[in-house]
Amino acid sequence: MIINLNGWPGVGKLTTARELSKLTGGRLLDNHTLLNFGKALADEGSPEYYALVRAVRSVAFEAILKLPSALPVIFTTTENARRIVHEDRGLLRKEQDPELLVELARTRTLFDDGATFRTIIDNSDLSPEETAFRIHSWVNNTSA
């Protein structure tokens, strides 16, 4: 089972994914883990960067295929305005400009293709623990 948490920068995907991993006993592979390898060794956006990211993803996906099929794998992709300005994001070299969210929401849509099951959860007024619990409950009800 693959659980993909998708949202705008700063919505709390990684924090929620950590909580969801605890609830499910699943493995967590966040988008930054894959991208940081490329950022560390090449100029972001360069052909070398993309080649490194693709290579790391390939290795990760091969490893996922070797895991027991009952073990959930939790992904985070793309990234609420309340989190984007936090200092810890800057320390992790993450975007901190709240105007980015306005621009992204105006000009783009979140990737939402190919899922067997999907749900939308507005976590604006939820803690990461509450959000993870809702996802966990939804997964259990969907797969039952």
Protein backbone atom coordinates (compact mmCIF):
# COMPACT_ATOMS: atom_id res chain seq x y z
CA MET A 1 0.00 0.00 0.00
CA ILE A 2 1.29 3.42 -0.93
CA ILE A 3 -0.08 6.46 0.89
CA ASN A 4 0.86 9.71 -0.82
CA LEU A 5 0.41 12.98 1.08
CA ASN A 6 0.23 15.77 -1.46
CA GLY A 7 -0.16 19.47 -0.71
CA TRP A 8 1.30 22.95 -0.99
CA PRO A 9 4.56 23.94 0.73
CA GLY A 10 4.27 24.28 4.48
CA VAL A 11 0.98 22.45 5.02
CA GLY A 12 2.59 19.94 7.37
CA LYS A 13 2.87 16.91 5.11
CA LEU A 14 6.13 15.65 6.59
CA THR A 15 5.00 16.13 10.20
CA THR A 16 1.71 14.39 9.44
CA ALA A 17 3.54 11.61 7.57
CA ARG A 18 5.76 10.99 10.61
CA GLU A 19 2.65 10.61 12.78
CA LEU A 20 0.96 8.41 10.18
CA SER A 21 4.04 6.22 10.02
CA LYS A 22 3.79 5.68 13.79
CA LEU A 23 0.10 4.78 13.51
CA THR A 24 0.51 2.36 10.62
CA GLY A 25 3.96 0.98 11.30
CA GLY A 26 4.74 2.02 7.73
CA ARG A 27 7.89 3.34 6.12
CA LEU A 28 8.23 7.05 5.37
CA LEU A 29 9.88 8.39 2.24
CA ASP A 30 9.44 12.14 2.04
CA ASN A 31 10.06 14.13 -1.10
CA HIS A 32 12.92 16.09 0.50
CA THR A 33 14.88 12.92 1.16
CA LEU A 34 14.93 12.28 -2.57
CA LEU A 35 15.52 15.90 -3.61
CA ASN A 36 18.19 16.73 -1.01
CA PHE A 37 20.63 14.29 -2.58
CA GLY A 38 20.45 16.23 -5.84
CA LYS A 39 20.63 19.60 -4.03
CA ALA A 40 23.74 18.52 -2.14
CA LEU A 41 25.69 17.42 -5.19
CA ALA A 42 24.48 19.58 -8.10
CA ASP A 43 23.01 22.97 -8.87
CA GLU A 44 19.25 22.80 -8.32
CA GLY A 45 17.45 22.69 -11.64
CA SER A 46 20.49 21.63 -13.63
CA PRO A 47 20.54 18.49 -15.79
CA GLU A 48 22.90 16.90 -13.26
CA TYR A 49 20.44 17.66 -10.44
CA TYR A 50 17.56 15.98 -12.28
CA ALA A 51 19.71 12.99 -13.21
CA LEU A 52 20.70 12.51 -9.56
CA VAL A 53 17.10 12.84 -8.35
CA ARG A 54 15.87 10.33 -10.95
CA ALA A 55 18.63 7.89 -9.99
CA VAL A 56 17.83 8.15 -6.27
CA ARG A 57 14.10 7.69 -7.00
CA SER A 58 14.83 4.59 -9.06
CA VAL A 59 16.86 3.03 -6.27
CA ALA A 60 14.16 3.95 -3.73
CA PHE A 61 11.37 2.48 -5.87
CA GLU A 62 13.34 -0.74 -6.42
CA ALA A 63 13.77 -1.05 -2.64
CA ILE A 64 10.05 -0.42 -2.08
CA LEU A 65 9.20 -3.32 -4.39
CA LYS A 66 11.22 -5.62 -2.12
CA LEU A 67 9.26 -4.67 1.00
CA PRO A 68 6.40 -6.87 2.22
CA SER A 69 3.23 -5.92 0.34
CA ALA A 70 1.31 -5.41 3.61
CA LEU A 71 3.80 -2.76 4.80
CA PRO A 72 2.50 0.74 4.01
CA VAL A 73 4.90 3.16 2.35
CA ILE A 74 4.10 6.80 3.04
CA PHE A 75 5.25 9.42 0.54
CA THR A 76 5.12 13.19 0.67
CA THR A 77 5.04 15.22 -2.51
CA THR A 78 4.86 18.89 -3.53
CA GLU A 79 4.20 20.66 -0.05
CA ASN A 80 -0.91 26.14 4.73
CA ALA A 81 0.46 29.26 5.10
CA ARG A 82 0.86 29.03 8.88
CA ARG A 83 3.92 26.77 8.53
CA ILE A 84 5.73 28.18 5.55
CA VAL A 85 7.35 31.05 7.48
CA HIS A 86 8.71 28.92 10.35
CA GLU A 87 12.44 29.18 10.98
CA ASP A 88 12.94 25.41 10.79
CA ARG A 89 11.96 25.47 7.10
CA GLY A 90 14.80 27.89 6.36
CA LEU A 91 17.26 25.69 8.22
CA LEU A 92 16.16 22.81 5.99
CA ARG A 93 16.53 24.98 2.86
CA LYS A 94 12.77 24.92 2.29
CA GLU A 95 10.75 27.77 0.80
CA GLN A 96 9.59 30.36 3.37
CA ASP A 97 7.79 32.98 1.27
CA PRO A 98 4.02 32.93 2.06
CA GLU A 99 3.31 34.67 -1.25
CA LEU A 100 4.49 31.50 -2.96
CA LEU A 101 1.34 29.72 -1.77
CA VAL A 102 -0.89 32.40 -3.23
CA GLU A 103 0.91 32.18 -6.56
CA LEU A 104 0.94 28.39 -6.64
CA ALA A 105 -2.77 28.13 -5.83
CA ARG A 106 -3.53 30.73 -8.51
CA THR A 107 -1.44 29.23 -11.29
CA ARG A 108 -1.22 25.50 -10.63
CA THR A 109 -3.17 22.49 -9.51
CA LEU A 110 -1.86 19.77 -7.26
CA PHE A 111 -0.96 16.52 -9.00
CA ASP A 112 -3.81 14.09 -8.46
CA ASP A 113 -3.58 11.36 -11.05
CA GLY A 114 -3.49 7.61 -10.99
CA ALA A 115 -4.63 6.92 -7.44
CA THR A 116 -6.88 3.95 -6.84
CA PHE A 117 -8.43 5.72 -3.85
CA ARG A 118 -8.16 9.36 -2.82
CA THR A 119 -9.51 11.73 -0.24
CA ILE A 120 -9.06 15.41 0.54
CA ILE A 121 -8.49 16.54 4.12
CA ASP A 122 -8.30 20.22 5.02
CA ASN A 123 -5.81 20.24 7.88
CA SER A 124 -5.96 24.02 8.47
CA ASP A 125 -7.52 23.56 11.93
CA LEU A 126 -6.09 20.12 12.72
CA SER A 127 -2.91 19.09 14.46
CA PRO A 128 -0.59 16.71 12.58
CA GLU A 129 -1.71 13.95 14.97
CA GLU A 130 -5.40 14.61 14.21
CA THR A 131 -4.69 14.70 10.49
CA ALA A 132 -2.73 11.44 10.65
CA PHE A 133 -5.54 9.81 12.63
CA ARG A 134 -8.10 10.88 10.00
CA ILE A 135 -5.95 9.49 7.22
CA HIS A 136 -5.39 6.26 9.13
CA SER A 137 -9.13 5.88 9.74
CA TRP A 138 -9.89 6.61 6.09
CA VAL A 139 -7.34 4.02 4.92
CA ASN A 140 -8.76 1.40 7.29
CA ASN A 141 -12.34 2.09 6.11
CA THR A 142 -11.32 2.14 2.43
CA SER A 143 -9.31 -1.07 2.52
CA ALA A 144 -11.87 -2.98 4.60
